[in-house]
C-alpha atoms as a PDB file:
ATOM      1  CA  MET A   1      13.178   1.183  -2.547  1.00  0.00           C
ATOM      2  CA  LEU A   2      11.253   2.753   0.441  1.00  0.00           C
ATOM      3  CA  CYS A   3       7.436   4.329  -0.343  1.00  0.00           C
ATOM      4  CA  TYR A   4       6.685   7.161   0.905  1.00  0.00           C
ATOM      5  CA  SER A   5       4.095   8.625  -1.054  1.00  0.00           C
ATOM      6  CA  LEU A   6       1.865   6.384  -3.473  1.00  0.00           C
ATOM      7  CA  THR A   7       1.704   8.841  -6.042  1.00  0.00           C
ATOM      8  CA  ASN A   8       5.382   9.451  -7.094  1.00  0.00           C
ATOM      9  CA  HIS A   9       6.223   6.000  -7.423  1.00  0.00           C
ATOM     10  CA  PRO A  10       3.602   4.151  -9.223  1.00  0.00           C
ATOM     11  CA  TYR A  11       5.949   0.393  -8.615  1.00  0.00           C
ATOM     12  CA  CYS A  12       4.880   1.202  -4.879  1.00  0.00           C
ATOM     13  CA  LEU A  13       1.810   0.054  -5.456  1.00  0.00           C
ATOM     14  CA  ASP A  14       2.267  -2.722  -6.981  1.00  0.00           C
ATOM     15  CA  ALA A  15       4.743  -4.069  -4.198  1.00  0.00           C
ATOM     16  CA  ILE A  16       1.888  -3.431  -1.634  1.00  0.00           C
ATOM     17  CA  LEU A  17      -0.429  -5.550  -3.751  1.00  0.00           C
ATOM     18  CA  HIS A  18       2.157  -7.908  -3.687  1.00  0.00           C
ATOM     19  CA  TRP A  19       2.979  -7.982   0.137  1.00  0.00           C
ATOM     20  CA  ASN A  20      -0.781  -8.020   0.395  1.00  0.00           C
ATOM     21  CA  ILE A  21      -1.402 -11.462  -1.726  1.00  0.00           C
ATOM     22  CA  SER A  22       1.683 -13.093   0.026  1.00  0.00           C
ATOM     23  CA  LEU A  23      -0.006 -12.102   3.231  1.00  0.00           C
ATOM     24  CA  VAL A  24      -3.950 -13.236   2.125  1.00  0.00           C
ATOM     25  CA  GLY A  25      -1.986 -16.788   0.899  1.00  0.00           C
ATOM     26  CA  GLY A  26       0.307 -17.512   3.767  1.00  0.00           C
ATOM     27  CA  PHE A  27      -3.226 -17.496   6.109  1.00  0.00           C
ATOM     28  CA  LEU A  28      -5.248 -19.674   3.696  1.00  0.00           C
ATOM     29  CA  GLY A  29      -2.507 -22.405   3.875  1.00  0.00           C
ATOM     30  CA  ALA A  30      -1.428 -22.112   7.878  1.00  0.00           C
ATOM     31  CA  TYR A  31      -5.617 -22.240   7.790  1.00  0.00           C
ATOM     32  CA  ALA A  32      -5.775 -25.271   5.728  1.00  0.00           C
ATOM     33  CA  ILE A  33      -3.233 -26.923   8.016  1.00  0.00           C
ATOM     34  CA  LEU A  34      -4.678 -26.450  11.360  1.00  0.00           C
ATOM     35  CA  LEU A  35      -8.437 -26.524  10.284  1.00  0.00           C
ATOM     36  CA  HIS A  36      -8.436 -28.893   7.366  1.00  0.00           C
ATOM     37  CA  ALA A  37      -5.696 -32.013   8.704  1.00  0.00           C
ATOM     38  CA  GLY A  38      -3.300 -30.805   6.330  1.00  0.00           C
ATOM     39  CA  ASN A  39      -4.981 -31.070   3.191  1.00  0.00           C
ATOM     40  CA  PHE A  40      -5.189 -28.335   0.807  1.00  0.00           C
ATOM     41  CA  GLY A  41      -8.316 -28.458  -1.885  1.00  0.00           C
ATOM     42  CA  SER A  42      -7.190 -25.606  -4.321  1.00  0.00           C
ATOM     43  CA  ALA A  43      -3.223 -25.882  -4.225  1.00  0.00           C
ATOM     44  CA  GLN A  44      -1.580 -29.171  -4.780  1.00  0.00           C
ATOM     45  CA  THR A  45       1.903 -27.561  -3.577  1.00  0.00           C
ATOM     46  CA  GLY A  46       0.944 -28.465  -0.031  1.00  0.00           C
ATOM     47  CA  ASN A  47      -0.337 -32.207  -1.152  1.00  0.00           C
ATOM     48  CA  LEU A  48       2.801 -33.049  -3.265  1.00  0.00           C
ATOM     49  CA  MET A  49       5.140 -31.481  -0.421  1.00  0.00           C
ATOM     50  CA  GLU A  50       3.000 -33.941   2.282  1.00  0.00           C
ATOM     51  CA  MET A  51       2.962 -37.025   0.285  1.00  0.00           C
ATOM     52  CA  GLY A  52       6.730 -36.553   0.009  1.00  0.00           C
ATOM     53  CA  ALA A  53       7.269 -36.520   3.307  1.00  0.00           C
ATOM     54  CA  GLU A  54       5.199 -39.275   4.113  1.00  0.00           C
ATOM     55  CA  LEU A  55       6.787 -41.284   1.265  1.00  0.00           C
ATOM     56  CA  VAL A  56       9.795 -40.838   3.197  1.00  0.00           C
ATOM     57  CA  SER A  57       8.194 -42.240   6.643  1.00  0.00           C
ATOM     58  CA  MET A  58       6.540 -44.878   4.876  1.00  0.00           C
ATOM     59  CA  GLU A  59       3.162 -44.056   5.307  1.00  0.00           C
ATOM     60  CA  TRP A  60       1.598 -45.837   2.668  1.00  0.00           C
ATOM     61  CA  PHE A  61      -2.430 -44.871   3.434  1.00  0.00           C
ATOM     62  CA  ASN A  62      -1.711 -41.314   3.815  1.00  0.00           C
ATOM     63  CA  VAL A  63       0.693 -41.558   0.729  1.00  0.00           C
ATOM     64  CA  LEU A  64      -2.179 -42.661  -1.395  1.00  0.00           C
ATOM     65  CA  LEU A  65      -4.874 -40.502  -0.080  1.00  0.00           C
ATOM     66  CA  ARG A  66      -2.569 -37.897  -1.078  1.00  0.00           C
ATOM     67  CA  LEU A  67      -2.458 -39.326  -5.044  1.00  0.00           C
ATOM     68  CA  ALA A  68      -5.627 -39.758  -4.893  1.00  0.00           C
ATOM     69  CA  ALA A  69      -6.484 -36.444  -4.116  1.00  0.00           C
ATOM     70  CA  LEU A  70      -3.904 -35.437  -6.332  1.00  0.00           C
ATOM     71  CA  VAL A  71      -5.797 -37.639  -9.491  1.00  0.00           C
ATOM     72  CA  LEU A  72      -9.209 -35.782  -8.423  1.00  0.00           C
ATOM     73  CA  PHE A  73      -7.544 -32.184  -8.987  1.00  0.00           C
ATOM     74  CA  GLY A  74      -6.141 -33.425 -12.412  1.00  0.00           C
ATOM     75  CA  LEU A  75      -9.801 -34.748 -13.437  1.00  0.00           C
ATOM     76  CA  GLY A  76     -11.325 -31.320 -12.289  1.00  0.00           C
ATOM     77  CA  VAL A  77      -8.387 -29.095 -13.928  1.00  0.00           C
ATOM     78  CA  ALA A  78      -9.235 -31.224 -17.063  1.00  0.00           C
ATOM     79  CA  SER A  79     -13.128 -31.275 -16.932  1.00  0.00           C
ATOM     80  CA  ALA A  80     -12.919 -27.282 -16.109  1.00  0.00           C
ATOM     81  CA  TYR A  81     -10.809 -26.994 -19.580  1.00  0.00           C
ATOM     82  CA  LEU A  82     -13.205 -29.595 -21.382  1.00  0.00           C
ATOM     83  CA  LEU A  83     -16.345 -26.784 -20.586  1.00  0.00           C
END
């Protein structure tokens, strides 16, 4: 659906918001990969994908590092829930 006017199509505003949020999420993912050695601080999806790749290539130290990040993330979520 092409949107020529935001006032005539309220659905278009949702589509624009969706694309903007996707753009920001992609930028932050690329920023984390390129400038923070591939470690994500707020999203575990990338860390789990990297851990899977490191499991296949048998890089055990990196697997343990990603597993420790997952445990710390879980502890942070649990402590925020309890507070």
